[in-house]
Amino acid sequence: MKTQQELKAQLRQIDRKGYKAYKILEGEYDFGTYRLCIDHVQGDPFATPSRVRIVYRNRGNINSQYFEEKHRRIAVEDYLLRRLHQNLKGDKNMKHLNNKTEYRQAKGSGKSGLVTTCRTGQEILERTAMRITENMIEARIEVGFPAFGRTIAAEELSQILFFQLPDLAEKTFHIQPKMQKELDETIKLADDQQYIREELTRRNLVAFVADGSILPRESGVSQRPMKNAVVFKSPDSLSIVLELPHHKKMRGMGIPAGITVIVGGGFHGKSTLLKALERGIYNHIAGDGREFVITDESAFKLRAEEQRCIHETDISMFISNLPIHSDTTRFSTENASGSTSQAANTIEALAADSKVLLIDEDTSATNFMIRDGRMAQLVSDEKEPITPFIRKIRSLYCELGISTILVAGSSGDYLSVADTVLQMDCYETKDVTEHAKQLTIPLIEEKVKKTTWLKWSVHTKKIEKVRVHGCDSLLLDKNEIDLRYLEQIVDESQIAALAYIMQYILGQLADGKKTALYLAEEAAHKLEKEGILSMTPKNYGAGAASAVRKQEILACLTRYRL
């Protein structure tokens, strides 16, 4: 490891030289209370900023009880990352370029002086941008090494490395009394959220929504809570009281395992409740309004997804006897229809061990969801290759233990298969199950059996370059994977994680014999055991990464076009 003085000497040596001379700075430097690690230097002032780590020595600064359990560690890391953002924003010497993540300190061309780190949203995610162990706290940041034109501006970089970053490290990682209090509250919230997750299993519930929760969001492009929104209150018939470790008694709605149908007029809050449940697979920060909206972590949001590719997937449960004589037990297409895409999405969710399916009628293929009785009389079952989801929904629960939460605005047939019916009325939740049962009509039901859902074997392929396009897609060399319809991906860093995982799967795991499901399970196991950093390249060229589930890994892999 080199010293600060050696770093200064190197900077003096390369001052005013061509930009590529910055490469000699790569390495580790001792700054006393922390190590500065320059992992990757950008090749050009207009390129993605250089990758830098601050590795702070944790000498009892943060007690080990704060991170000995996974849910606590993730909460503390999230808190420190948010504090890093606050300190970047609070530096008066830095000009803000973006109200969330980017700040400029030095003058120069291109991205000179840009200091950034992984952005944070309302959800608490396990990220590579911040890690904590008993001995160290590690923050990953990006720094635009300054230049005038393409000539090194060493003095500008010295200001960042020897003044800005040491001050940033001290403010972020040295725990003051105020920070200690905030950390204590962070841990208490994480403990309570974890307790509720465990309680779902004990009580045979698939979700919990606490009284007082704020479900509506500020706008269609903001996840912040809406001001003056109607607060959630559980119907008495579904209310439960939990004895939390820290917040003590908490009343809320427990959604039981089985089939739950959410009804109500347009704009009354049906989809708002479902969206809160979608994101309930993640913990949320204090003040979000959904801190105590907790959903089974395996829950998966299904929808129609026209034009997606499908590889050797058994969709015969829903689609068979096609007039073109395609084998739907090994169905493949490069351009799926609404019904075939939703069938494949459902099968993939089952294969990935999702125990709860989340469905909104508005984003579903109508012919996949229902079959009108009069239409069934006109077109016989023998002439209709699609078996609608409604005929399988009860058997999915009774035979396989798969629960469904469904928003239905116009299809009354689903009342006949529901165990619980919730009505949203001006954002107030009512239990109308008994009334709904009086309106039911007999429906045809069919059995389902567990089988080998996915039969596609993936061949190895070395990926040279990965790139992320927001939360919508990722690029593996020149092959784009469209992920915009995976609605439970909430952060760009999760797309970066999927890029690295795909690079690892295709380059190291795939062999032409292992199925997509097997590969997804192997990658998910490695993530759980070793963390996302085990698959992240040194220069993490697609950006900082956040943990993802097996469900998203499989979904990404099956959308990869050959």
Foldseek 3Di string as FASTA:
>chain_A
DAEPVVLLVLLVVQAQHFQQSCQVNAAWYDPDQWIKGFLACDRFLQDFFTKIKTKGWPPVQDPQVQPPDPLSQLLVQQVLVVQLQVLQVPPPQWDDPDPWFWTARFDAPHQARIKGAFGDAFFRFRWPQWGDDNTIIMGMIGGRQHDHHRTHHSVRVCCCPVPVVVVSCCSRRRDDPVNVVVSVVSSLLSQQLVVVLVVCVVVQFFKKFFFQFQQDACDPPGLAGNPPADTADAAPVQKDWDQGPPVGTTITGTHHFAEEEEEEAPPLCLVSVLLLQLQLLTAGDPNRRSNRTHGNVLEFEFFFDWQFWFFQFQLQVFFDPDVVHDRNNTDTDRTDDRQVRRSLLVLLSVLQVRQEYEYEPVRHDPLQADDDPVVCVVQPPNRDRGDHPLQERRQCCVVVVRGYYYYDYDDLQNLQRHPWYWYRGNNYIDTCNVVSNVVYDDDHHDHDDDDDGFDFAAAADAFDDKAFDWQAWIQRPNWIFGDNPRSSPDGSQARLLLRLLVNCLRHPPGHRHDTLSRSLVVSQVCCVVPNSVVSADSRSSHHMHTDDHSSVNSVRVRSTDD
